[in-house]
Amino acid sequence: MFKAVLFDLDGTLLNREKSIELFINQQYERLFELLSHISKEQYISRFIELDNRGYVWKDKVYQQLIDEFNISSVTCEELLQDYLKEFKNHCVGFPHIHEMLEELKNNKIALGMITNGFGQFQMENIKALNIDQYFDVILVSEWEGMKKPNPQIFINALEKLNVEPSESVFIGDHPENDVKAAQNVGMKGIWKRDNQWTDVEADAIIDDYFKLPVILKKLNF
């Protein structure tokens, strides 16, 4: 049996697409008096487009929104601070993550997380999902001074867990930054299916975390 299972956060444990939709909807409602000259549909759809699934940081997103919609009633910094303060209140996890993590812990499997992003922001989102207590190691790229797919961040996590790559599995939604990067250091790479990509080469593919124990058993043979 594997000794450790490690996870990505955004798009893997955190349903970021649903979370961001909930957040931006509520941001428009909270700041309606400042944004009312823009339709809600326009504001939300353009934010999601500019956000590019989280790969564009929000200072650039909000500055672009201000420029495009001629927003003068609120600054880029104020919108960014609202995002930093409020996003955690809209975090939604994928189904069965708590039951899955509980089962892994009960089976004495070490748990780790490696996520790209800003340290405090990501930790607040992890706590909002109420999953932080399950993890033995959580590495956030800002605090580590490196990010996936850098192999060293995977190696650092494995060393902290005191396990070998061959004894470990990494689960993530990004084919290169997660799956391939983990495989490159000798781990098994499981792809959390995401409709953005097709024909992803992985050791296994998961749609529902309820099925993870069966997948892990198959990978052991």
C-alpha atoms as a PDB file:
ATOM      1  CA  MET A   1       0.000   0.000   0.000  1.00  0.00           C
ATOM      2  CA  PHE A   2       1.164   3.537  -0.678  1.00  0.00           C
ATOM      3  CA  LYS A   3       2.528   5.359   2.351  1.00  0.00           C
ATOM      4  CA  ALA A   4       1.537   8.862   1.247  1.00  0.00           C
ATOM      5  CA  VAL A   5      -1.013  10.621  -0.931  1.00  0.00           C
ATOM      6  CA  LEU A   6      -0.435  14.238  -1.903  1.00  0.00           C
ATOM      7  CA  PHE A   7      -2.874  16.671  -3.480  1.00  0.00           C
ATOM      8  CA  ASP A   8      -3.067  19.895  -5.404  1.00  0.00           C
ATOM      9  CA  LEU A   9      -5.658  22.408  -4.116  1.00  0.00           C
ATOM     10  CA  ASP A  10      -7.351  24.508  -6.812  1.00  0.00           C
ATOM     11  CA  GLY A  11      -9.381  22.381  -9.188  1.00  0.00           C
ATOM     12  CA  THR A  12      -8.484  19.262  -7.223  1.00  0.00           C
ATOM     13  CA  LEU A  13      -9.897  19.584  -3.713  1.00  0.00           C
ATOM     14  CA  LEU A  14     -11.327  23.085  -4.105  1.00  0.00           C
ATOM     15  CA  ASN A  15     -13.974  23.393  -6.802  1.00  0.00           C
ATOM     16  CA  ARG A  16     -12.511  26.684  -7.897  1.00  0.00           C
ATOM     17  CA  GLU A  17     -14.873  27.220 -10.821  1.00  0.00           C
ATOM     18  CA  LYS A  18     -17.928  27.053  -8.597  1.00  0.00           C
ATOM     19  CA  SER A  19     -16.238  29.019  -5.812  1.00  0.00           C
ATOM     20  CA  ILE A  20     -15.214  31.875  -8.089  1.00  0.00           C
ATOM     21  CA  GLU A  21     -18.710  32.098  -9.555  1.00  0.00           C
ATOM     22  CA  LEU A  22     -20.204  32.361  -6.066  1.00  0.00           C
ATOM     23  CA  PHE A  23     -17.653  34.978  -5.037  1.00  0.00           C
ATOM     24  CA  ILE A  24     -17.901  37.275  -8.063  1.00  0.00           C
ATOM     25  CA  ASN A  25     -21.699  37.130  -7.951  1.00  0.00           C
ATOM     26  CA  GLN A  26     -21.650  38.245  -4.332  1.00  0.00           C
ATOM     27  CA  GLN A  27     -18.975  40.894  -4.949  1.00  0.00           C
ATOM     28  CA  TYR A  28     -21.210  42.565  -7.491  1.00  0.00           C
ATOM     29  CA  GLU A  29     -24.123  42.464  -5.041  1.00  0.00           C
ATOM     30  CA  ARG A  30     -22.029  43.861  -2.163  1.00  0.00           C
ATOM     31  CA  LEU A  31     -20.639  46.669  -4.308  1.00  0.00           C
ATOM     32  CA  PHE A  32     -23.744  47.287  -6.379  1.00  0.00           C
ATOM     33  CA  GLU A  33     -23.844  51.019  -5.673  1.00  0.00           C
ATOM     34  CA  LEU A  34     -20.304  51.321  -7.040  1.00  0.00           C
ATOM     35  CA  LEU A  35     -20.761  49.006 -10.019  1.00  0.00           C
ATOM     36  CA  SER A  36     -24.392  49.570 -10.995  1.00  0.00           C
ATOM     37  CA  HIS A  37     -23.480  51.221 -14.309  1.00  0.00           C
ATOM     38  CA  ILE A  38     -22.271  47.759 -15.444  1.00  0.00           C
ATOM     39  CA  SER A  39     -24.693  44.888 -15.874  1.00  0.00           C
ATOM     40  CA  LYS A  40     -24.189  42.004 -13.493  1.00  0.00           C
ATOM     41  CA  GLU A  41     -23.844  39.568 -16.374  1.00  0.00           C
ATOM     42  CA  GLN A  42     -21.131  41.684 -18.009  1.00  0.00           C
ATOM     43  CA  TYR A  43     -19.151  42.086 -14.806  1.00  0.00           C
ATOM     44  CA  ILE A  44     -19.266  38.413 -13.891  1.00  0.00           C
ATOM     45  CA  SER A  45     -18.534  37.008 -17.347  1.00  0.00           C
ATOM     46  CA  ARG A  46     -15.651  39.382 -18.002  1.00  0.00           C
ATOM     47  CA  PHE A  47     -14.091  38.707 -14.585  1.00  0.00           C
ATOM     48  CA  ILE A  48     -14.203  34.954 -15.154  1.00  0.00           C
ATOM     49  CA  GLU A  49     -12.716  35.369 -18.619  1.00  0.00           C
ATOM     50  CA  LEU A  50      -9.857  37.598 -17.419  1.00  0.00           C
ATOM     51  CA  ASP A  51      -9.222  35.386 -14.382  1.00  0.00           C
ATOM     52  CA  ASN A  52      -8.267  32.558 -16.746  1.00  0.00           C
ATOM     53  CA  ARG A  53      -8.992  29.828 -14.201  1.00  0.00           C
ATOM     54  CA  GLY A  54      -6.840  31.542 -11.575  1.00  0.00           C
ATOM     55  CA  TYR A  55      -3.701  31.824 -13.660  1.00  0.00           C
ATOM     56  CA  VAL A  56      -3.938  35.625 -13.794  1.00  0.00           C
ATOM     57  CA  TRP A  57      -3.575  37.367 -10.441  1.00  0.00           C
ATOM     58  CA  LYS A  58      -6.474  39.603  -9.487  1.00  0.00           C
ATOM     59  CA  ASP A  59      -4.634  42.930  -9.486  1.00  0.00           C
ATOM     60  CA  LYS A  60      -4.334  42.614 -13.265  1.00  0.00           C
ATOM     61  CA  VAL A  61      -7.892  41.346 -13.594  1.00  0.00           C
ATOM     62  CA  TYR A  62      -9.364  44.247 -11.640  1.00  0.00           C
ATOM     63  CA  GLN A  63      -7.231  46.843 -13.395  1.00  0.00           C
ATOM     64  CA  GLN A  64      -8.475  45.537 -16.725  1.00  0.00           C
ATOM     65  CA  LEU A  65     -12.084  45.664 -15.503  1.00  0.00           C
ATOM     66  CA  ILE A  66     -11.606  49.260 -14.336  1.00  0.00           C
ATOM     67  CA  ASP A  67     -10.148  50.250 -17.695  1.00  0.00           C
ATOM     68  CA  GLU A  68     -12.751  48.467 -19.808  1.00  0.00           C
ATOM     69  CA  PHE A  69     -15.816  49.535 -17.827  1.00  0.00           C
ATOM     70  CA  ASN A  70     -14.589  53.011 -16.862  1.00  0.00           C
ATOM     71  CA  ILE A  71     -14.969  52.277 -13.164  1.00  0.00           C
ATOM     72  CA  SER A  72     -14.099  55.368 -11.116  1.00  0.00           C
ATOM     73  CA  SER A  73     -16.087  54.754  -7.942  1.00  0.00           C
ATOM     74  CA  VAL A  74     -13.754  52.076  -6.553  1.00  0.00           C
ATOM     75  CA  THR A  75     -10.028  51.430  -6.990  1.00  0.00           C
ATOM     76  CA  CYS A  76      -8.219  48.336  -8.172  1.00  0.00           C
ATOM     77  CA  GLU A  77      -6.682  47.944  -4.716  1.00  0.00           C
ATOM     78  CA  GLU A  78     -10.092  48.113  -3.018  1.00  0.00           C
ATOM     79  CA  LEU A  79     -11.477  45.431  -5.314  1.00  0.00           C
ATOM     80  CA  LEU A  80      -8.409  43.263  -4.718  1.00  0.00           C
ATOM     81  CA  GLN A  81      -8.702  43.632  -0.951  1.00  0.00           C
ATOM     82  CA  ASP A  82     -12.354  42.636  -1.157  1.00  0.00           C
ATOM     83  CA  TYR A  83     -11.294  39.511  -3.048  1.00  0.00           C
ATOM     84  CA  LEU A  84      -8.609  38.654  -0.496  1.00  0.00           C
ATOM     85  CA  LYS A  85     -11.044  39.152   2.371  1.00  0.00           C
ATOM     86  CA  GLU A  86     -14.148  37.519   0.960  1.00  0.00           C
ATOM     87  CA  PHE A  87     -13.128  34.677  -1.367  1.00  0.00           C
ATOM     88  CA  LYS A  88     -12.645  32.230   1.507  1.00  0.00           C
ATOM     89  CA  ASN A  89     -16.300  32.678   2.424  1.00  0.00           C
ATOM     90  CA  HIS A  90     -17.335  31.147  -0.881  1.00  0.00           C
ATOM     91  CA  CYS A  91     -15.004  28.143  -1.049  1.00  0.00           C
ATOM     92  CA  VAL A  92     -16.695  24.929  -2.143  1.00  0.00           C
ATOM     93  CA  GLY A  93     -14.984  21.555  -2.139  1.00  0.00           C
ATOM     94  CA  PHE A  94     -15.589  18.666  -4.504  1.00  0.00           C
ATOM     95  CA  PRO A  95     -17.945  15.929  -3.268  1.00  0.00           C
ATOM     96  CA  HIS A  96     -16.694  13.318  -0.784  1.00  0.00           C
ATOM     97  CA  ILE A  97     -13.359  15.020   0.024  1.00  0.00           C
ATOM     98  CA  HIS A  98     -13.903  14.825   3.782  1.00  0.00           C
ATOM     99  CA  GLU A  99     -14.921  11.172   3.758  1.00  0.00           C
ATOM    100  CA  MET A 100     -12.003  10.348   1.470  1.00  0.00           C
ATOM    101  CA  LEU A 101      -9.420  12.159   3.611  1.00  0.00           C
ATOM    102  CA  GLU A 102     -10.846  10.591   6.757  1.00  0.00           C
ATOM    103  CA  GLU A 103     -10.531   7.105   5.284  1.00  0.00           C
ATOM    104  CA  LEU A 104      -6.942   7.705   4.197  1.00  0.00           C
ATOM    105  CA  LYS A 105      -6.011   8.935   7.675  1.00  0.00           C
ATOM    106  CA  ASN A 106      -7.715   5.948   9.268  1.00  0.00           C
ATOM    107  CA  ASN A 107      -5.571   3.723   7.045  1.00  0.00           C
ATOM    108  CA  LYS A 108      -2.410   5.426   8.397  1.00  0.00           C
ATOM    109  CA  ILE A 109      -1.573   7.045   5.054  1.00  0.00           C
ATOM    110  CA  ALA A 110       0.385  10.283   5.321  1.00  0.00           C
ATOM    111  CA  LEU A 111      -1.261  13.239   3.586  1.00  0.00           C
ATOM    112  CA  GLY A 112       0.379  16.185   1.899  1.00  0.00           C
ATOM    113  CA  MET A 113      -0.638  19.158  -0.197  1.00  0.00           C
ATOM    114  CA  ILE A 114       1.376  21.181  -2.708  1.00  0.00           C
ATOM    115  CA  THR A 115      -0.325  24.247  -4.115  1.00  0.00           C
ATOM    116  CA  ASN A 116       0.813  27.176  -6.186  1.00  0.00           C
ATOM    117  CA  GLY A 117      -0.326  30.565  -4.937  1.00  0.00           C
ATOM    118  CA  PHE A 118       0.025  33.079  -2.139  1.00  0.00           C
ATOM    119  CA  GLY A 119       0.623  31.561   1.265  1.00  0.00           C
ATOM    120  CA  GLN A 120      -1.889  33.209   3.583  1.00  0.00           C
ATOM    121  CA  PHE A 121      -4.591  33.328   0.925  1.00  0.00           C
ATOM    122  CA  GLN A 122      -4.296  29.617   0.149  1.00  0.00           C
ATOM    123  CA  MET A 123      -4.177  28.645   3.829  1.00  0.00           C
ATOM    124  CA  GLU A 124      -7.378  30.579   4.489  1.00  0.00           C
ATOM    125  CA  ASN A 125      -9.071  28.722   1.637  1.00  0.00           C
ATOM    126  CA  ILE A 126      -7.834  25.365   2.946  1.00  0.00           C
ATOM    127  CA  LYS A 127      -9.206  26.190   6.398  1.00  0.00           C
ATOM    128  CA  ALA A 128     -12.476  27.356   4.850  1.00  0.00           C
ATOM    129  CA  LEU A 129     -12.871  23.878   3.357  1.00  0.00           C
ATOM    130  CA  ASN A 130     -12.256  22.465   6.857  1.00  0.00           C
ATOM    131  CA  ILE A 131      -9.593  20.059   5.610  1.00  0.00           C
ATOM    132  CA  ASP A 132      -6.398  21.508   7.102  1.00  0.00           C
ATOM    133  CA  GLN A 133      -6.485  19.130  10.059  1.00  0.00           C
ATOM    134  CA  TYR A 134      -6.070  16.095   7.795  1.00  0.00           C
ATOM    135  CA  PHE A 135      -2.720  17.127   6.335  1.00  0.00           C
ATOM    136  CA  ASP A 136       0.722  16.327   7.712  1.00  0.00           C
ATOM    137  CA  VAL A 137       2.426  18.707   5.261  1.00  0.00           C
ATOM    138  CA  ILE A 138       1.121  21.705   3.304  1.00  0.00           C
ATOM    139  CA  LEU A 139       3.504  23.505   0.950  1.00  0.00           C
ATOM    140  CA  VAL A 140       2.452  26.769  -0.732  1.00  0.00           C
ATOM    141  CA  SER A 141       4.641  28.047  -3.553  1.00  0.00           C
ATOM    142  CA  GLU A 142       5.024  31.598  -2.214  1.00  0.00           C
ATOM    143  CA  TRP A 143       6.371  30.351   1.108  1.00  0.00           C
ATOM    144  CA  GLU A 144       8.573  27.732  -0.554  1.00  0.00           C
ATOM    145  CA  GLY A 145      10.142  30.139  -3.029  1.00  0.00           C
ATOM    146  CA  MET A 146       9.330  27.785  -5.903  1.00  0.00           C
ATOM    147  CA  LYS A 147       6.256  26.420  -7.602  1.00  0.00           C
ATOM    148  CA  LYS A 148       5.045  23.397  -9.494  1.00  0.00           C
ATOM    149  CA  PRO A 149       6.197  21.909 -11.836  1.00  0.00           C
ATOM    150  CA  ASN A 150       9.609  22.473 -10.174  1.00  0.00           C
ATOM    151  CA  PRO A 151      10.589  18.960  -9.026  1.00  0.00           C
ATOM    152  CA  GLN A 152      12.199  20.307  -5.869  1.00  0.00           C
ATOM    153  CA  ILE A 153       8.884  21.306  -4.311  1.00  0.00           C
ATOM    154  CA  PHE A 154       7.700  17.691  -4.663  1.00  0.00           C
ATOM    155  CA  ILE A 155      10.968  16.393  -3.237  1.00  0.00           C
ATOM    156  CA  ASN A 156      10.697  18.785  -0.280  1.00  0.00           C
ATOM    157  CA  ALA A 157       7.200  17.557   0.531  1.00  0.00           C
ATOM    158  CA  LEU A 158       8.241  13.899   0.340  1.00  0.00           C
ATOM    159  CA  GLU A 159      11.232  14.531   2.601  1.00  0.00           C
ATOM    160  CA  LYS A 160       8.983  16.191   5.173  1.00  0.00           C
ATOM    161  CA  LEU A 161       6.676  13.171   5.030  1.00  0.00           C
ATOM    162  CA  ASN A 162       9.690  10.825   5.197  1.00  0.00           C
ATOM    163  CA  VAL A 163       8.556   8.734   2.239  1.00  0.00           C
ATOM    164  CA  GLU A 164      10.113   7.749  -1.071  1.00  0.00           C
ATOM    165  CA  PRO A 165       8.618   8.901  -4.392  1.00  0.00           C
ATOM    166  CA  SER A 166       7.808   5.290  -5.294  1.00  0.00           C
ATOM    167  CA  GLU A 167       5.708   5.044  -2.124  1.00  0.00           C
ATOM    168  CA  SER A 168       3.665   8.120  -3.021  1.00  0.00           C
ATOM    169  CA  VAL A 169       0.829   9.326  -5.217  1.00  0.00           C
ATOM    170  CA  PHE A 170       0.048  12.858  -6.347  1.00  0.00           C
ATOM    171  CA  ILE A 171      -3.446  13.944  -7.397  1.00  0.00           C
ATOM    172  CA  GLY A 172      -4.030  17.105  -9.387  1.00  0.00           C
ATOM    173  CA  ASP A 173      -6.046  18.633 -12.202  1.00  0.00           C
ATOM    174  CA  HIS A 174      -3.213  20.076 -14.306  1.00  0.00           C
ATOM    175  CA  PRO A 175      -1.648  17.578 -16.739  1.00  0.00           C
ATOM    176  CA  GLU A 176       1.821  19.171 -16.645  1.00  0.00           C
ATOM    177  CA  ASN A 177       2.135  21.018 -13.316  1.00  0.00           C
ATOM    178  CA  ASP A 178       0.598  18.167 -11.325  1.00  0.00           C
ATOM    179  CA  VAL A 179       0.518  14.799 -13.085  1.00  0.00           C
ATOM    180  CA  LYS A 180       3.624  14.945 -15.254  1.00  0.00           C
ATOM    181  CA  ALA A 181       5.650  16.842 -12.652  1.00  0.00           C
ATOM    182  CA  ALA A 182       4.898  14.211 -10.009  1.00  0.00           C
ATOM    183  CA  GLN A 183       5.731  11.376 -12.397  1.00  0.00           C
ATOM    184  CA  ASN A 184       9.038  13.070 -13.206  1.00  0.00           C
ATOM    185  CA  VAL A 185      10.204  12.654  -9.610  1.00  0.00           C
ATOM    186  CA  GLY A 186       9.070   9.016  -9.447  1.00  0.00           C
ATOM    187  CA  MET A 187       5.591   9.369  -7.967  1.00  0.00           C
ATOM    188  CA  LYS A 188       2.385   7.973  -9.416  1.00  0.00           C
ATOM    189  CA  GLY A 189       0.310  10.736 -10.989  1.00  0.00           C
ATOM    190  CA  ILE A 190      -3.477  10.684 -10.807  1.00  0.00           C
ATOM    191  CA  TRP A 191      -5.400  13.194 -12.886  1.00  0.00           C
ATOM    192  CA  LYS A 192      -8.474  14.839 -11.345  1.00  0.00           C
ATOM    193  CA  ARG A 193     -10.534  15.082 -14.496  1.00  0.00           C
ATOM    194  CA  ASP A 194     -11.052  18.593 -15.814  1.00  0.00           C
ATOM    195  CA  ASN A 195     -13.005  19.285 -18.992  1.00  0.00           C
ATOM    196  CA  GLN A 196     -10.410  21.810 -20.134  1.00  0.00           C
ATOM    197  CA  TRP A 197      -8.111  18.971 -21.188  1.00  0.00           C
ATOM    198  CA  THR A 198      -8.459  15.686 -23.055  1.00  0.00           C
ATOM    199  CA  ASP A 199      -6.147  12.748 -23.702  1.00  0.00           C
ATOM    200  CA  VAL A 200      -4.183  13.309 -20.488  1.00  0.00           C
ATOM    201  CA  GLU A 201      -1.533  10.681 -19.818  1.00  0.00           C
ATOM    202  CA  ALA A 202      -1.747   9.657 -16.171  1.00  0.00           C
ATOM    203  CA  ASP A 203      -1.377   6.538 -14.066  1.00  0.00           C
ATOM    204  CA  ALA A 204      -5.073   6.827 -13.261  1.00  0.00           C
ATOM    205  CA  ILE A 205      -7.970   9.250 -13.703  1.00  0.00           C
ATOM    206  CA  ILE A 206     -10.440  10.160 -10.977  1.00  0.00           C
ATOM    207  CA  ASP A 207     -13.851  11.801 -11.276  1.00  0.00           C
ATOM    208  CA  ASP A 208     -15.225  11.115  -7.807  1.00  0.00           C
ATOM    209  CA  TYR A 209     -13.153  10.800  -4.619  1.00  0.00           C
ATOM    210  CA  PHE A 210     -15.462   8.063  -3.435  1.00  0.00           C
ATOM    211  CA  LYS A 211     -13.530   5.839  -5.879  1.00  0.00           C
ATOM    212  CA  LEU A 212     -10.031   6.751  -4.685  1.00  0.00           C
ATOM    213  CA  PRO A 213      -9.444   3.692  -2.430  1.00  0.00           C
ATOM    214  CA  VAL A 214     -10.175   1.357  -5.353  1.00  0.00           C
ATOM    215  CA  ILE A 215      -7.867   3.329  -7.652  1.00  0.00           C
ATOM    216  CA  LEU A 216      -5.040   3.214  -5.116  1.00  0.00           C
ATOM    217  CA  LYS A 217      -5.400  -0.534  -4.746  1.00  0.00           C
ATOM    218  CA  LYS A 218      -5.222  -1.024  -8.530  1.00  0.00           C
ATOM    219  CA  LEU A 219      -2.085   1.133  -8.757  1.00  0.00           C
ATOM    220  CA  ASN A 220      -0.336  -1.082  -6.236  1.00  0.00           C
ATOM    221  CA  PHE A 221      -0.312  -4.057  -8.600  1.00  0.00           C
END
